[in-house]
Amino acid sequence: MLLDECVPRPLKHELPGHHVSTVVDMGWSSGRNAELLTLWSAPGFVGLSRWTRTSSIQASGIAVVVLIARTNRLKELRPLAPALLQALDRIQPGQLVRVGA
């Protein structure tokens, strides 16, 4: 799984049982969304991002989970972790799933 730059890195500790990297860990910071979709298309990547262009996601064949919260601060995202874990269990390549209000 790959966390986009807009997602706080410590969120990866809320996702037990998943191998989680960040865009920064991978050396892909400041990449444009189109470039990131190409990089993310490696097998097994699920992206957590604010990006929501469904047609590009479907064409890329990756799975993307969009976290919906008032801010992207960890204290706002941490309560979404249980629903996020459920989404990760059922998401398929080419899907975009929204988690949160």
N, C-alpha and C. Protein backbone atom coordinates (compact mmCIF):
# COMPACT_ATOMS: atom_id res chain seq x y z
N MET A 1 0.84 -1.15 0.00
CA MET A 1 0.00 0.00 0.00
C MET A 1 0.90 1.23 0.00
N LEU A 2 0.42 2.28 -0.62
CA LEU A 2 1.20 3.51 -0.73
C LEU A 2 0.37 4.68 -0.22
N LEU A 3 0.94 5.44 0.72
CA LEU A 3 0.30 6.65 1.21
C LEU A 3 0.80 7.84 0.41
N ASP A 4 -0.11 8.64 -0.12
CA ASP A 4 0.24 9.85 -0.86
C ASP A 4 0.81 10.88 0.12
N GLU A 5 1.42 11.92 -0.42
CA GLU A 5 2.02 12.97 0.40
C GLU A 5 1.03 13.67 1.31
N CYS A 6 -0.23 13.72 0.92
CA CYS A 6 -1.24 14.42 1.72
C CYS A 6 -1.68 13.63 2.94
N VAL A 7 -1.27 12.38 3.04
CA VAL A 7 -1.64 11.53 4.16
C VAL A 7 -0.49 11.50 5.16
N PRO A 8 -0.76 11.78 6.44
CA PRO A 8 0.32 11.75 7.43
C PRO A 8 0.98 10.38 7.51
N ARG A 9 2.29 10.37 7.49
CA ARG A 9 3.04 9.10 7.51
C ARG A 9 2.71 8.21 8.70
N PRO A 10 2.47 8.76 9.89
CA PRO A 10 2.16 7.87 11.02
C PRO A 10 0.87 7.07 10.86
N LEU A 11 0.04 7.40 9.88
CA LEU A 11 -1.18 6.61 9.66
C LEU A 11 -0.84 5.16 9.34
N LYS A 12 0.34 4.93 8.80
CA LYS A 12 0.71 3.55 8.46
C LYS A 12 0.74 2.64 9.68
N HIS A 13 0.94 3.20 10.86
CA HIS A 13 0.95 2.40 12.09
C HIS A 13 -0.46 1.98 12.51
N GLU A 14 -1.48 2.56 11.88
CA GLU A 14 -2.87 2.21 12.17
C GLU A 14 -3.38 1.09 11.26
N LEU A 15 -2.50 0.55 10.43
CA LEU A 15 -2.91 -0.44 9.42
C LEU A 15 -2.15 -1.75 9.59
N PRO A 16 -2.35 -2.42 10.74
CA PRO A 16 -1.63 -3.68 10.98
C PRO A 16 -1.98 -4.72 9.92
N GLY A 17 -0.99 -5.53 9.60
CA GLY A 17 -1.20 -6.59 8.63
C GLY A 17 -1.01 -6.16 7.19
N HIS A 18 -0.65 -4.90 6.98
CA HIS A 18 -0.44 -4.38 5.63
C HIS A 18 0.97 -3.80 5.52
N HIS A 19 1.61 -4.07 4.41
CA HIS A 19 2.90 -3.43 4.14
C HIS A 19 2.59 -2.05 3.58
N VAL A 20 3.02 -1.01 4.29
CA VAL A 20 2.68 0.36 3.90
C VAL A 20 3.95 1.16 3.68
N SER A 21 4.02 1.79 2.52
CA SER A 21 5.10 2.73 2.21
C SER A 21 4.46 4.09 1.96
N THR A 22 5.29 5.11 1.94
CA THR A 22 4.79 6.44 1.61
C THR A 22 5.45 6.92 0.32
N VAL A 23 4.84 7.90 -0.30
CA VAL A 23 5.43 8.49 -1.50
C VAL A 23 6.84 8.98 -1.18
N VAL A 24 7.02 9.55 0.01
CA VAL A 24 8.35 10.04 0.43
C VAL A 24 9.32 8.87 0.58
N ASP A 25 8.88 7.77 1.23
CA ASP A 25 9.72 6.58 1.39
C ASP A 25 10.24 6.09 0.04
N MET A 26 9.38 6.15 -0.96
CA MET A 26 9.71 5.64 -2.28
C MET A 26 10.52 6.63 -3.12
N GLY A 27 10.70 7.85 -2.61
CA GLY A 27 11.43 8.87 -3.37
C GLY A 27 10.60 9.48 -4.49
N TRP A 28 9.27 9.44 -4.34
CA TRP A 28 8.38 9.94 -5.39
C TRP A 28 7.72 11.25 -5.02
N SER A 29 8.24 11.98 -4.03
CA SER A 29 7.60 13.22 -3.61
C SER A 29 7.51 14.22 -4.74
N SER A 30 6.50 15.04 -4.64
CA SER A 30 6.25 16.14 -5.58
C SER A 30 5.98 15.66 -7.00
N GLY A 31 5.62 14.41 -7.15
CA GLY A 31 5.26 13.92 -8.48
C GLY A 31 3.86 14.35 -8.84
N ARG A 32 3.61 14.51 -10.11
CA ARG A 32 2.26 14.83 -10.57
C ARG A 32 1.41 13.57 -10.49
N ASN A 33 0.11 13.78 -10.37
CA ASN A 33 -0.80 12.64 -10.21
C ASN A 33 -0.67 11.63 -11.35
N ALA A 34 -0.53 12.10 -12.58
CA ALA A 34 -0.40 11.17 -13.71
C ALA A 34 0.86 10.33 -13.57
N GLU A 35 1.95 10.95 -13.13
CA GLU A 35 3.20 10.21 -12.92
C GLU A 35 3.03 9.20 -11.79
N LEU A 36 2.36 9.61 -10.71
CA LEU A 36 2.16 8.70 -9.58
C LEU A 36 1.31 7.51 -9.98
N LEU A 37 0.30 7.72 -10.81
CA LEU A 37 -0.52 6.59 -11.25
C LEU A 37 0.32 5.56 -11.97
N THR A 38 1.26 6.01 -12.78
CA THR A 38 2.15 5.08 -13.48
C THR A 38 3.02 4.32 -12.49
N LEU A 39 3.59 5.03 -11.52
CA LEU A 39 4.44 4.40 -10.51
C LEU A 39 3.63 3.45 -9.63
N TRP A 40 2.41 3.85 -9.29
CA TRP A 40 1.55 3.04 -8.42
C TRP A 40 1.06 1.79 -9.11
N SER A 41 1.15 1.73 -10.41
CA SER A 41 0.56 0.60 -11.11
C SER A 41 1.32 -0.70 -10.91
N ALA A 42 2.37 -0.67 -10.11
CA ALA A 42 3.06 -1.91 -9.76
C ALA A 42 2.09 -2.82 -9.02
N PRO A 43 2.18 -4.12 -9.22
CA PRO A 43 1.24 -5.04 -8.57
C PRO A 43 1.22 -4.86 -7.06
N GLY A 44 0.02 -4.89 -6.50
CA GLY A 44 -0.13 -4.86 -5.05
C GLY A 44 -0.26 -3.50 -4.43
N PHE A 45 -0.11 -2.43 -5.21
CA PHE A 45 -0.22 -1.10 -4.62
C PHE A 45 -1.68 -0.69 -4.48
N VAL A 46 -2.01 -0.17 -3.32
CA VAL A 46 -3.27 0.51 -3.08
C VAL A 46 -2.86 1.91 -2.65
N GLY A 47 -3.39 2.92 -3.31
CA GLY A 47 -3.03 4.28 -2.97
C GLY A 47 -4.04 4.92 -2.05
N LEU A 48 -3.57 5.63 -1.03
CA LEU A 48 -4.44 6.44 -0.18
C LEU A 48 -4.17 7.88 -0.55
N SER A 49 -5.17 8.57 -1.04
CA SER A 49 -4.95 9.87 -1.62
C SER A 49 -6.19 10.73 -1.55
N ARG A 50 -6.01 12.03 -1.86
CA ARG A 50 -7.15 12.93 -2.02
C ARG A 50 -7.59 12.96 -3.47
N TRP A 51 -6.87 12.36 -4.35
CA TRP A 51 -7.14 12.44 -5.78
C TRP A 51 -8.33 11.59 -6.14
N THR A 52 -9.25 12.10 -6.93
CA THR A 52 -10.50 11.38 -7.15
C THR A 52 -10.91 11.27 -8.62
N ARG A 53 -10.02 11.36 -9.57
CA ARG A 53 -10.38 11.23 -10.97
C ARG A 53 -10.58 9.77 -11.31
N THR A 54 -11.80 9.32 -11.19
CA THR A 54 -12.14 7.91 -11.31
C THR A 54 -11.72 7.31 -12.65
N SER A 55 -11.91 8.03 -13.74
CA SER A 55 -11.60 7.46 -15.05
C SER A 55 -10.13 7.10 -15.17
N SER A 56 -9.25 7.92 -14.64
CA SER A 56 -7.81 7.62 -14.68
C SER A 56 -7.47 6.43 -13.80
N ILE A 57 -8.14 6.32 -12.69
CA ILE A 57 -7.90 5.21 -11.78
C ILE A 57 -8.33 3.89 -12.42
N GLN A 58 -9.51 3.90 -13.04
CA GLN A 58 -10.00 2.69 -13.70
C GLN A 58 -9.04 2.26 -14.80
N ALA A 59 -8.56 3.22 -15.58
CA ALA A 59 -7.65 2.90 -16.68
C ALA A 59 -6.31 2.38 -16.18
N SER A 60 -5.87 2.86 -15.01
CA SER A 60 -4.56 2.47 -14.49
C SER A 60 -4.58 1.06 -13.91
N GLY A 61 -5.75 0.61 -13.45
CA GLY A 61 -5.84 -0.71 -12.85
C GLY A 61 -5.41 -0.77 -11.40
N ILE A 62 -5.16 0.39 -10.77
CA ILE A 62 -4.80 0.38 -9.36
C ILE A 62 -6.05 0.59 -8.52
N ALA A 63 -5.95 0.33 -7.25
CA ALA A 63 -7.03 0.57 -6.32
C ALA A 63 -6.68 1.81 -5.50
N VAL A 64 -7.64 2.70 -5.31
CA VAL A 64 -7.41 3.93 -4.54
C VAL A 64 -8.48 4.07 -3.49
N VAL A 65 -8.06 4.37 -2.28
CA VAL A 65 -8.97 4.67 -1.19
C VAL A 65 -8.83 6.15 -0.88
N VAL A 66 -9.95 6.87 -0.90
CA VAL A 66 -9.97 8.29 -0.57
C VAL A 66 -10.52 8.42 0.84
N LEU A 67 -9.74 9.04 1.71
CA LEU A 67 -10.17 9.27 3.08
C LEU A 67 -10.85 10.63 3.14
N ILE A 68 -12.07 10.67 3.66
CA ILE A 68 -12.83 11.90 3.72
C ILE A 68 -12.90 12.35 5.18
N ALA A 69 -12.28 13.48 5.45
CA ALA A 69 -12.25 14.03 6.81
C ALA A 69 -12.16 15.55 6.71
N ARG A 70 -12.38 16.22 7.84
CA ARG A 70 -12.32 17.69 7.84
C ARG A 70 -10.93 18.19 7.47
N THR A 71 -9.90 17.51 7.94
CA THR A 71 -8.52 17.87 7.62
C THR A 71 -7.76 16.58 7.34
N ASN A 72 -6.50 16.71 6.93
CA ASN A 72 -5.69 15.52 6.73
C ASN A 72 -4.74 15.28 7.91
N ARG A 73 -5.09 15.81 9.05
CA ARG A 73 -4.29 15.59 10.26
C ARG A 73 -4.59 14.20 10.82
N LEU A 74 -3.57 13.62 11.44
CA LEU A 74 -3.68 12.26 11.95
C LEU A 74 -4.86 12.10 12.91
N LYS A 75 -5.09 13.10 13.76
CA LYS A 75 -6.18 12.97 14.73
C LYS A 75 -7.55 12.89 14.04
N GLU A 76 -7.66 13.41 12.84
CA GLU A 76 -8.91 13.33 12.07
C GLU A 76 -9.00 12.01 11.30
N LEU A 77 -7.86 11.48 10.88
CA LEU A 77 -7.84 10.27 10.06
C LEU A 77 -7.83 8.98 10.88
N ARG A 78 -7.24 9.03 12.06
CA ARG A 78 -7.14 7.82 12.90
C ARG A 78 -8.49 7.15 13.13
N PRO A 79 -9.57 7.88 13.41
CA PRO A 79 -10.87 7.21 13.61
C PRO A 79 -11.40 6.49 12.37
N LEU A 80 -10.86 6.81 11.20
CA LEU A 80 -11.28 6.15 9.97
C LEU A 80 -10.59 4.80 9.76
N ALA A 81 -9.58 4.49 10.58
CA ALA A 81 -8.78 3.28 10.38
C ALA A 81 -9.60 1.99 10.33
N PRO A 82 -10.58 1.77 11.21
CA PRO A 82 -11.35 0.52 11.10
C PRO A 82 -12.10 0.40 9.76
N ALA A 83 -12.73 1.47 9.32
CA ALA A 83 -13.43 1.44 8.03
C ALA A 83 -12.44 1.31 6.88
N LEU A 84 -11.28 1.92 7.02
CA LEU A 84 -10.23 1.80 6.01
C LEU A 84 -9.78 0.36 5.88
N LEU A 85 -9.56 -0.30 7.00
CA LEU A 85 -9.14 -1.70 6.96
C LEU A 85 -10.20 -2.58 6.29
N GLN A 86 -11.47 -2.29 6.55
CA GLN A 86 -12.54 -3.04 5.88
C GLN A 86 -12.52 -2.79 4.38
N ALA A 87 -12.31 -1.53 3.99
CA ALA A 87 -12.25 -1.19 2.56
C ALA A 87 -11.09 -1.91 1.89
N LEU A 88 -9.96 -2.01 2.57
CA LEU A 88 -8.79 -2.67 2.00
C LEU A 88 -9.05 -4.15 1.77
N ASP A 89 -9.90 -4.75 2.59
CA ASP A 89 -10.22 -6.17 2.43
C ASP A 89 -11.07 -6.43 1.19
N ARG A 90 -11.83 -5.44 0.72
CA ARG A 90 -12.73 -5.70 -0.41
C ARG A 90 -12.43 -4.92 -1.68
N ILE A 91 -11.52 -3.97 -1.65
CA ILE A 91 -11.24 -3.17 -2.84
C ILE A 91 -10.58 -4.03 -3.92
N GLN A 92 -10.90 -3.72 -5.17
CA GLN A 92 -10.37 -4.44 -6.32
C GLN A 92 -9.58 -3.48 -7.20
N PRO A 93 -8.64 -3.99 -8.00
CA PRO A 93 -7.90 -3.13 -8.93
C PRO A 93 -8.86 -2.34 -9.82
N GLY A 94 -8.55 -1.07 -10.01
CA GLY A 94 -9.38 -0.20 -10.84
C GLY A 94 -10.53 0.47 -10.09
N GLN A 95 -10.64 0.19 -8.80
CA GLN A 95 -11.72 0.78 -8.00
C GLN A 95 -11.22 1.97 -7.21
N LEU A 96 -12.13 2.89 -6.95
CA LEU A 96 -11.92 3.99 -6.01
C LEU A 96 -12.98 3.85 -4.94
N VAL A 97 -12.57 3.79 -3.69
CA VAL A 97 -13.48 3.65 -2.57
C VAL A 97 -13.28 4.85 -1.65
N ARG A 98 -14.38 5.45 -1.23
CA ARG A 98 -14.32 6.57 -0.31
C ARG A 98 -14.64 6.07 1.10
N VAL A 99 -13.84 6.53 2.07
CA VAL A 99 -14.03 6.16 3.47
C VAL A 99 -14.16 7.44 4.27
N GLY A 100 -15.22 7.54 5.05
CA GLY A 100 -15.45 8.73 5.87
C GLY A 100 -16.74 9.42 5.49
N ALA A 101 -17.01 10.49 6.22
CA ALA A 101 -18.28 11.22 6.01
C ALA A 101 -18.23 12.15 4.82
